[in-house]
Amino acid sequence: MDEKLAACEACGAEKSYGSGESIRYRCGSYRMKGSALVQMNGCFINQLSKLRQFEARVRQADKLQTTDAVALAIRKICRE
């Protein structure tokens, strides 16, 4: 199996079942016969969750004392 098909490329959810012809991911998204990924609500919820976590970390970094410290913290968050 293709390594890139082992997880949903939109949200990173693991493969639930399927093989080369059709694959369904734990988020509910699926791919049929080599077609593009069809995203479902679970996929969007996973993406929104990741975005909220990122936003919370940036807000925390923004509370640091100096501009340099804020800039370093945000660079570190973006590298992860």
PDB file of N, CA and C in Angstrom:
ATOM      1  N   MET A   1       0.837  -1.190   0.000  1.00  0.00           N
ATOM      2  CA  MET A   1       0.000   0.000   0.000  1.00  0.00           C
ATOM      3  C   MET A   1       0.876   1.245   0.000  1.00  0.00           C
ATOM      4  N   ASP A   2       0.401   2.262  -0.620  1.00  0.00           N
ATOM      5  CA  ASP A   2       1.098   3.535  -0.693  1.00  0.00           C
ATOM      6  C   ASP A   2       1.147   4.157   0.700  1.00  0.00           C
ATOM      7  N   GLU A   3       2.336   4.599   1.124  1.00  0.00           N
ATOM      8  CA  GLU A   3       2.489   5.223   2.443  1.00  0.00           C
ATOM      9  C   GLU A   3       1.656   6.482   2.574  1.00  0.00           C
ATOM     10  N   LYS A   4       1.514   7.247   1.490  1.00  0.00           N
ATOM     11  CA  LYS A   4       0.767   8.497   1.573  1.00  0.00           C
ATOM     12  C   LYS A   4      -0.727   8.260   1.788  1.00  0.00           C
ATOM     13  N   LEU A   5      -1.225   7.062   1.499  1.00  0.00           N
ATOM     14  CA  LEU A   5      -2.639   6.761   1.695  1.00  0.00           C
ATOM     15  C   LEU A   5      -2.927   6.191   3.079  1.00  0.00           C
ATOM     16  N   ALA A   6      -1.910   6.038   3.931  1.00  0.00           N
ATOM     17  CA  ALA A   6      -2.092   5.471   5.260  1.00  0.00           C
ATOM     18  C   ALA A   6      -2.790   6.438   6.205  1.00  0.00           C
ATOM     19  N   ALA A   7      -2.814   7.719   5.868  1.00  0.00           N
ATOM     20  CA  ALA A   7      -3.483   8.722   6.700  1.00  0.00           C
ATOM     21  C   ALA A   7      -4.141   9.759   5.797  1.00  0.00           C
ATOM     22  N   CYS A   8      -5.197  10.356   6.310  1.00  0.00           N
ATOM     23  CA  CYS A   8      -5.903  11.415   5.582  1.00  0.00           C
ATOM     24  C   CYS A   8      -4.959  12.601   5.426  1.00  0.00           C
ATOM     25  N   GLU A   9      -4.725  13.030   4.189  1.00  0.00           N
ATOM     26  CA  GLU A   9      -3.776  14.128   3.999  1.00  0.00           C
ATOM     27  C   GLU A   9      -4.338  15.473   4.436  1.00  0.00           C
ATOM     28  N   ALA A  10      -5.631  15.590   4.623  1.00  0.00           N
ATOM     29  CA  ALA A  10      -6.219  16.857   5.057  1.00  0.00           C
ATOM     30  C   ALA A  10      -6.105  17.056   6.562  1.00  0.00           C
ATOM     31  N   CYS A  11      -6.369  15.987   7.349  1.00  0.00           N
ATOM     32  CA  CYS A  11      -6.370  16.166   8.804  1.00  0.00           C
ATOM     33  C   CYS A  11      -5.456  15.200   9.547  1.00  0.00           C
ATOM     34  N   GLY A  12      -4.907  14.193   8.854  1.00  0.00           N
ATOM     35  CA  GLY A  12      -3.981  13.264   9.487  1.00  0.00           C
ATOM     36  C   GLY A  12      -4.617  12.068  10.162  1.00  0.00           C
ATOM     37  N   ALA A  13      -5.935  11.887  10.023  1.00  0.00           N
ATOM     38  CA  ALA A  13      -6.619  10.750  10.642  1.00  0.00           C
ATOM     39  C   ALA A  13      -6.117   9.442  10.026  1.00  0.00           C
ATOM     40  N   GLU A  14      -6.053   8.399  10.841  1.00  0.00           N
ATOM     41  CA  GLU A  14      -5.568   7.100  10.376  1.00  0.00           C
ATOM     42  C   GLU A  14      -6.576   6.423   9.452  1.00  0.00           C
ATOM     43  N   LYS A  15      -6.061   5.483   8.645  1.00  0.00           N
ATOM     44  CA  LYS A  15      -6.925   4.709   7.766  1.00  0.00           C
ATOM     45  C   LYS A  15      -7.779   3.782   8.617  1.00  0.00           C
ATOM     46  N   SER A  16      -9.067   3.742   8.355  1.00  0.00           N
ATOM     47  CA  SER A  16      -9.971   2.877   9.092  1.00  0.00           C
ATOM     48  C   SER A  16     -10.023   1.495   8.436  1.00  0.00           C
ATOM     49  N   TYR A  17     -10.287   1.469   7.126  1.00  0.00           N
ATOM     50  CA  TYR A  17     -10.277   0.213   6.389  1.00  0.00           C
ATOM     51  C   TYR A  17     -10.187   0.498   4.900  1.00  0.00           C
ATOM     52  N   GLY A  18      -9.900  -0.537   4.157  1.00  0.00           N
ATOM     53  CA  GLY A  18      -9.829  -0.425   2.705  1.00  0.00           C
ATOM     54  C   GLY A  18      -8.450  -0.757   2.182  1.00  0.00           C
ATOM     55  N   SER A  19      -8.375  -0.840   0.857  1.00  0.00           N
ATOM     56  CA  SER A  19      -7.106  -1.123   0.192  1.00  0.00           C
ATOM     57  C   SER A  19      -6.983  -0.203  -1.014  1.00  0.00           C
ATOM     58  N   GLY A  20      -6.218  -0.584  -2.009  1.00  0.00           N
ATOM     59  CA  GLY A  20      -5.932   0.271  -3.149  1.00  0.00           C
ATOM     60  C   GLY A  20      -7.147   0.840  -3.869  1.00  0.00           C
ATOM     61  N   GLU A  21      -8.218   0.075  -3.982  1.00  0.00           N
ATOM     62  CA  GLU A  21      -9.409   0.537  -4.715  1.00  0.00           C
ATOM     63  C   GLU A  21     -10.179   1.619  -3.959  1.00  0.00           C
ATOM     64  N   SER A  22     -10.476   1.370  -2.702  1.00  0.00           N
ATOM     65  CA  SER A  22     -11.208   2.359  -1.913  1.00  0.00           C
ATOM     66  C   SER A  22     -10.714   2.331  -0.471  1.00  0.00           C
ATOM     67  N   ILE A  23     -10.596   3.512   0.103  1.00  0.00           N
ATOM     68  CA  ILE A  23     -10.060   3.656   1.456  1.00  0.00           C
ATOM     69  C   ILE A  23     -10.970   4.593   2.230  1.00  0.00           C
ATOM     70  N   ARG A  24     -11.258   4.237   3.481  1.00  0.00           N
ATOM     71  CA  ARG A  24     -12.014   5.124   4.370  1.00  0.00           C
ATOM     72  C   ARG A  24     -11.145   5.423   5.581  1.00  0.00           C
ATOM     73  N   TYR A  25     -11.145   6.687   6.004  1.00  0.00           N
ATOM     74  CA  TYR A  25     -10.348   7.131   7.142  1.00  0.00           C
ATOM     75  C   TYR A  25     -11.226   7.317   8.372  1.00  0.00           C
ATOM     76  N   ARG A  26     -10.611   7.347   9.547  1.00  0.00           N
ATOM     77  CA  ARG A  26     -11.353   7.466  10.804  1.00  0.00           C
ATOM     78  C   ARG A  26     -12.157   8.764  10.915  1.00  0.00           C
ATOM     79  N   CYS A  27     -11.775   9.783  10.191  1.00  0.00           N
ATOM     80  CA  CYS A  27     -12.498  11.058  10.222  1.00  0.00           C
ATOM     81  C   CYS A  27     -13.781  10.990   9.390  1.00  0.00           C
ATOM     82  N   GLY A  28     -13.943   9.916   8.612  1.00  0.00           N
ATOM     83  CA  GLY A  28     -15.118   9.767   7.761  1.00  0.00           C
ATOM     84  C   GLY A  28     -14.839  10.049   6.296  1.00  0.00           C
ATOM     85  N   SER A  29     -13.726  10.671   5.995  1.00  0.00           N
ATOM     86  CA  SER A  29     -13.361  10.960   4.611  1.00  0.00           C
ATOM     87  C   SER A  29     -13.034   9.661   3.888  1.00  0.00           C
ATOM     88  N   TYR A  30     -13.139   9.689   2.566  1.00  0.00           N
ATOM     89  CA  TYR A  30     -12.844   8.483   1.797  1.00  0.00           C
ATOM     90  C   TYR A  30     -12.262   8.832   0.437  1.00  0.00           C
ATOM     91  N   ARG A  31     -11.694   7.811  -0.198  1.00  0.00           N
ATOM     92  CA  ARG A  31     -11.106   7.932  -1.536  1.00  0.00           C
ATOM     93  C   ARG A  31     -11.528   6.686  -2.309  1.00  0.00           C
ATOM     94  N   MET A  32     -12.083   6.875  -3.500  1.00  0.00           N
ATOM     95  CA  MET A  32     -12.545   5.759  -4.318  1.00  0.00           C
ATOM     96  C   MET A  32     -11.718   5.651  -5.592  1.00  0.00           C
ATOM     97  N   LYS A  33     -11.168   4.484  -5.863  1.00  0.00           N
ATOM     98  CA  LYS A  33     -10.458   4.166  -7.109  1.00  0.00           C
ATOM     99  C   LYS A  33      -9.498   5.256  -7.565  1.00  0.00           C
ATOM    100  N   GLY A  34      -8.624   5.686  -6.690  1.00  0.00           N
ATOM    101  CA  GLY A  34      -7.597   6.650  -7.051  1.00  0.00           C
ATOM    102  C   GLY A  34      -8.092   8.072  -7.258  1.00  0.00           C
ATOM    103  N   SER A  35      -9.333   8.350  -6.892  1.00  0.00           N
ATOM    104  CA  SER A  35      -9.861   9.707  -7.065  1.00  0.00           C
ATOM    105  C   SER A  35      -9.341  10.618  -5.956  1.00  0.00           C
ATOM    106  N   ALA A  36      -9.701  11.857  -6.021  1.00  0.00           N
ATOM    107  CA  ALA A  36      -9.298  12.818  -4.996  1.00  0.00           C
ATOM    108  C   ALA A  36     -10.004  12.495  -3.671  1.00  0.00           C
ATOM    109  N   LEU A  37      -9.463  13.002  -2.602  1.00  0.00           N
ATOM    110  CA  LEU A  37     -10.036  12.793  -1.278  1.00  0.00           C
ATOM    111  C   LEU A  37     -11.385  13.497  -1.168  1.00  0.00           C
ATOM    112  N   VAL A  38     -12.382  12.781  -0.639  1.00  0.00           N
ATOM    113  CA  VAL A  38     -13.698  13.366  -0.377  1.00  0.00           C
ATOM    114  C   VAL A  38     -13.766  13.593   1.128  1.00  0.00           C
ATOM    115  N   GLN A  39     -13.772  14.856   1.544  1.00  0.00           N
ATOM    116  CA  GLN A  39     -13.743  15.175   2.966  1.00  0.00           C
ATOM    117  C   GLN A  39     -15.142  15.138   3.559  1.00  0.00           C
ATOM    118  N   MET A  40     -15.214  14.708   4.825  1.00  0.00           N
ATOM    119  CA  MET A  40     -16.469  14.658   5.556  1.00  0.00           C
ATOM    120  C   MET A  40     -16.357  15.556   6.786  1.00  0.00           C
ATOM    121  N   ASN A  41     -17.422  15.657   7.561  1.00  0.00           N
ATOM    122  CA  ASN A  41     -17.450  16.540   8.730  1.00  0.00           C
ATOM    123  C   ASN A  41     -16.342  16.239   9.735  1.00  0.00           C
ATOM    124  N   GLY A  42     -16.043  14.979   9.977  1.00  0.00           N
ATOM    125  CA  GLY A  42     -15.000  14.616  10.938  1.00  0.00           C
ATOM    126  C   GLY A  42     -13.654  15.211  10.561  1.00  0.00           C
ATOM    127  N   CYS A  43     -13.388  15.272   9.287  1.00  0.00           N
ATOM    128  CA  CYS A  43     -12.143  15.837   8.783  1.00  0.00           C
ATOM    129  C   CYS A  43     -12.082  17.330   9.087  1.00  0.00           C
ATOM    130  N   PHE A  44     -13.180  18.023   8.849  1.00  0.00           N
ATOM    131  CA  PHE A  44     -13.224  19.459   9.117  1.00  0.00           C
ATOM    132  C   PHE A  44     -13.134  19.744  10.615  1.00  0.00           C
ATOM    133  N   ILE A  45     -13.739  18.887  11.425  1.00  0.00           N
ATOM    134  CA  ILE A  45     -13.665  19.046  12.882  1.00  0.00           C
ATOM    135  C   ILE A  45     -12.230  18.862  13.352  1.00  0.00           C
ATOM    136  N   ASN A  46     -11.514  17.871  12.811  1.00  0.00           N
ATOM    137  CA  ASN A  46     -10.107  17.659  13.155  1.00  0.00           C
ATOM    138  C   ASN A  46      -9.258  18.869  12.778  1.00  0.00           C
ATOM    139  N   GLN A  47      -9.501  19.421  11.602  1.00  0.00           N
ATOM    140  CA  GLN A  47      -8.739  20.591  11.149  1.00  0.00           C
ATOM    141  C   GLN A  47      -9.030  21.796  12.043  1.00  0.00           C
ATOM    142  N   LEU A  48     -10.288  21.984  12.413  1.00  0.00           N
ATOM    143  CA  LEU A  48     -10.676  23.094  13.275  1.00  0.00           C
ATOM    144  C   LEU A  48     -10.042  22.955  14.653  1.00  0.00           C
ATOM    145  N   SER A  49      -9.989  21.738  15.151  1.00  0.00           N
ATOM    146  CA  SER A  49      -9.360  21.477  16.450  1.00  0.00           C
ATOM    147  C   SER A  49      -7.881  21.857  16.423  1.00  0.00           C
ATOM    148  N   LYS A  50      -7.178  21.464  15.353  1.00  0.00           N
ATOM    149  CA  LYS A  50      -5.757  21.812  15.220  1.00  0.00           C
ATOM    150  C   LYS A  50      -5.571  23.321  15.122  1.00  0.00           C
ATOM    151  N   LEU A  51      -6.458  23.986  14.402  1.00  0.00           N
ATOM    152  CA  LEU A  51      -6.377  25.437  14.251  1.00  0.00           C
ATOM    153  C   LEU A  51      -6.598  26.135  15.596  1.00  0.00           C
ATOM    154  N   ARG A  52      -7.559  25.655  16.376  1.00  0.00           N
ATOM    155  CA  ARG A  52      -7.818  26.242  17.699  1.00  0.00           C
ATOM    156  C   ARG A  52      -6.633  26.050  18.631  1.00  0.00           C
ATOM    157  N   GLN A  53      -5.983  24.879  18.582  1.00  0.00           N
ATOM    158  CA  GLN A  53      -4.794  24.641  19.399  1.00  0.00           C
ATOM    159  C   GLN A  53      -3.678  25.597  19.007  1.00  0.00           C
ATOM    160  N   PHE A  54      -3.479  25.797  17.719  1.00  0.00           N
ATOM    161  CA  PHE A  54      -2.460  26.714  17.221  1.00  0.00           C
ATOM    162  C   PHE A  54      -2.757  28.135  17.693  1.00  0.00           C
ATOM    163  N   GLU A  55      -4.014  28.545  17.574  1.00  0.00           N
ATOM    164  CA  GLU A  55      -4.416  29.889  17.979  1.00  0.00           C
ATOM    165  C   GLU A  55      -4.184  30.109  19.478  1.00  0.00           C
ATOM    166  N   ALA A  56      -4.501  29.113  20.294  1.00  0.00           N
ATOM    167  CA  ALA A  56      -4.289  29.223  21.740  1.00  0.00           C
ATOM    168  C   ALA A  56      -2.802  29.362  22.067  1.00  0.00           C
ATOM    169  N   ARG A  57      -1.951  28.620  21.354  1.00  0.00           N
ATOM    170  CA  ARG A  57      -0.506  28.707  21.597  1.00  0.00           C
ATOM    171  C   ARG A  57       0.047  30.067  21.188  1.00  0.00           C
ATOM    172  N   VAL A  58      -0.465  30.627  20.097  1.00  0.00           N
ATOM    173  CA  VAL A  58      -0.019  31.953  19.660  1.00  0.00           C
ATOM    174  C   VAL A  58      -0.477  33.008  20.662  1.00  0.00           C
ATOM    175  N   ARG A  59      -1.701  32.884  21.183  1.00  0.00           N
ATOM    176  CA  ARG A  59      -2.176  33.842  22.198  1.00  0.00           C
ATOM    177  C   ARG A  59      -1.302  33.787  23.446  1.00  0.00           C
ATOM    178  N   GLN A  60      -0.893  32.583  23.854  1.00  0.00           N
ATOM    179  CA  GLN A  60       0.001  32.435  25.014  1.00  0.00           C
ATOM    180  C   GLN A  60       1.342  33.106  24.735  1.00  0.00           C
ATOM    181  N   ALA A  61       1.877  32.893  23.553  1.00  0.00           N
ATOM    182  CA  ALA A  61       3.172  33.482  23.197  1.00  0.00           C
ATOM    183  C   ALA A  61       3.082  35.004  23.186  1.00  0.00           C
ATOM    184  N   ASP A  62       1.938  35.536  22.781  1.00  0.00           N
ATOM    185  CA  ASP A  62       1.756  36.980  22.702  1.00  0.00           C
ATOM    186  C   ASP A  62       1.776  37.655  24.080  1.00  0.00           C
ATOM    187  N   LYS A  63       1.581  36.875  25.123  1.00  0.00           N
ATOM    188  CA  LYS A  63       1.579  37.421  26.489  1.00  0.00           C
ATOM    189  C   LYS A  63       2.978  37.541  27.087  1.00  0.00           C
ATOM    190  N   LEU A  64       3.997  37.125  26.352  1.00  0.00           N
ATOM    191  CA  LEU A  64       5.365  37.212  26.862  1.00  0.00           C
ATOM    192  C   LEU A  64       5.790  38.669  27.009  1.00  0.00           C
ATOM    193  N   GLN A  65       6.839  38.895  27.798  1.00  0.00           N
ATOM    194  CA  GLN A  65       7.258  40.244  28.193  1.00  0.00           C
ATOM    195  C   GLN A  65       7.789  41.112  27.056  1.00  0.00           C
ATOM    196  N   THR A  66       8.646  40.563  26.212  1.00  0.00           N
ATOM    197  CA  THR A  66       9.295  41.392  25.187  1.00  0.00           C
ATOM    198  C   THR A  66       8.898  40.959  23.783  1.00  0.00           C
ATOM    199  N   THR A  67       9.081  41.860  22.848  1.00  0.00           N
ATOM    200  CA  THR A  67       8.772  41.574  21.448  1.00  0.00           C
ATOM    201  C   THR A  67       9.662  40.461  20.905  1.00  0.00           C
ATOM    202  N   ASP A  68      10.938  40.468  21.310  1.00  0.00           N
ATOM    203  CA  ASP A  68      11.860  39.416  20.863  1.00  0.00           C
ATOM    204  C   ASP A  68      11.408  38.045  21.343  1.00  0.00           C
ATOM    205  N   ALA A  69      10.980  37.962  22.591  1.00  0.00           N
ATOM    206  CA  ALA A  69      10.521  36.688  23.143  1.00  0.00           C
ATOM    207  C   ALA A  69       9.273  36.201  22.414  1.00  0.00           C
ATOM    208  N   VAL A  70       8.375  37.124  22.102  1.00  0.00           N
ATOM    209  CA  VAL A  70       7.157  36.771  21.358  1.00  0.00           C
ATOM    210  C   VAL A  70       7.527  36.251  19.977  1.00  0.00           C
ATOM    211  N   ALA A  71       8.422  36.948  19.290  1.00  0.00           N
ATOM    212  CA  ALA A  71       8.836  36.548  17.941  1.00  0.00           C
ATOM    213  C   ALA A  71       9.476  35.156  17.951  1.00  0.00           C
ATOM    214  N   LEU A  72      10.346  34.906  18.918  1.00  0.00           N
ATOM    215  CA  LEU A  72      10.991  33.583  19.017  1.00  0.00           C
ATOM    216  C   LEU A  72       9.972  32.489  19.297  1.00  0.00           C
ATOM    217  N   ALA A  73       9.045  32.754  20.197  1.00  0.00           N
ATOM    218  CA  ALA A  73       8.021  31.749  20.540  1.00  0.00           C
ATOM    219  C   ALA A  73       7.132  31.433  19.343  1.00  0.00           C
ATOM    220  N   ILE A  74       6.736  32.447  18.587  1.00  0.00           N
ATOM    221  CA  ILE A  74       5.882  32.220  17.429  1.00  0.00           C
ATOM    222  C   ILE A  74       6.636  31.485  16.334  1.00  0.00           C
ATOM    223  N   ARG A  75       7.906  31.794  16.134  1.00  0.00           N
ATOM    224  CA  ARG A  75       8.719  31.045  15.154  1.00  0.00           C
ATOM    225  C   ARG A  75       8.797  29.570  15.533  1.00  0.00           C
ATOM    226  N   LYS A  76       8.980  29.316  16.828  1.00  0.00           N
ATOM    227  CA  LYS A  76       9.066  27.933  17.323  1.00  0.00           C
ATOM    228  C   LYS A  76       7.748  27.200  17.078  1.00  0.00           C
ATOM    229  N   ILE A  77       6.631  27.871  17.339  1.00  0.00           N
ATOM    230  CA  ILE A  77       5.310  27.255  17.128  1.00  0.00           C
ATOM    231  C   ILE A  77       5.111  26.927  15.652  1.00  0.00           C
ATOM    232  N   CYS A  78       5.504  27.824  14.767  1.00  0.00           N
ATOM    233  CA  CYS A  78       5.313  27.601  13.327  1.00  0.00           C
ATOM    234  C   CYS A  78       6.197  26.492  12.785  1.00  0.00           C
ATOM    235  N   ARG A  79       7.334  26.241  13.403  1.00  0.00           N
ATOM    236  CA  ARG A  79       8.235  25.156  12.959  1.00  0.00           C
ATOM    237  C   ARG A  79       7.679  23.786  13.310  1.00  0.00           C
ATOM    238  N   GLU A  80       6.859  23.698  14.325  1.00  0.00           N
ATOM    239  CA  GLU A  80       6.337  22.397  14.780  1.00  0.00           C
ATOM    240  C   GLU A  80       5.303  21.841  13.849  1.00  0.00           C
TER     241      GLU A  80
END
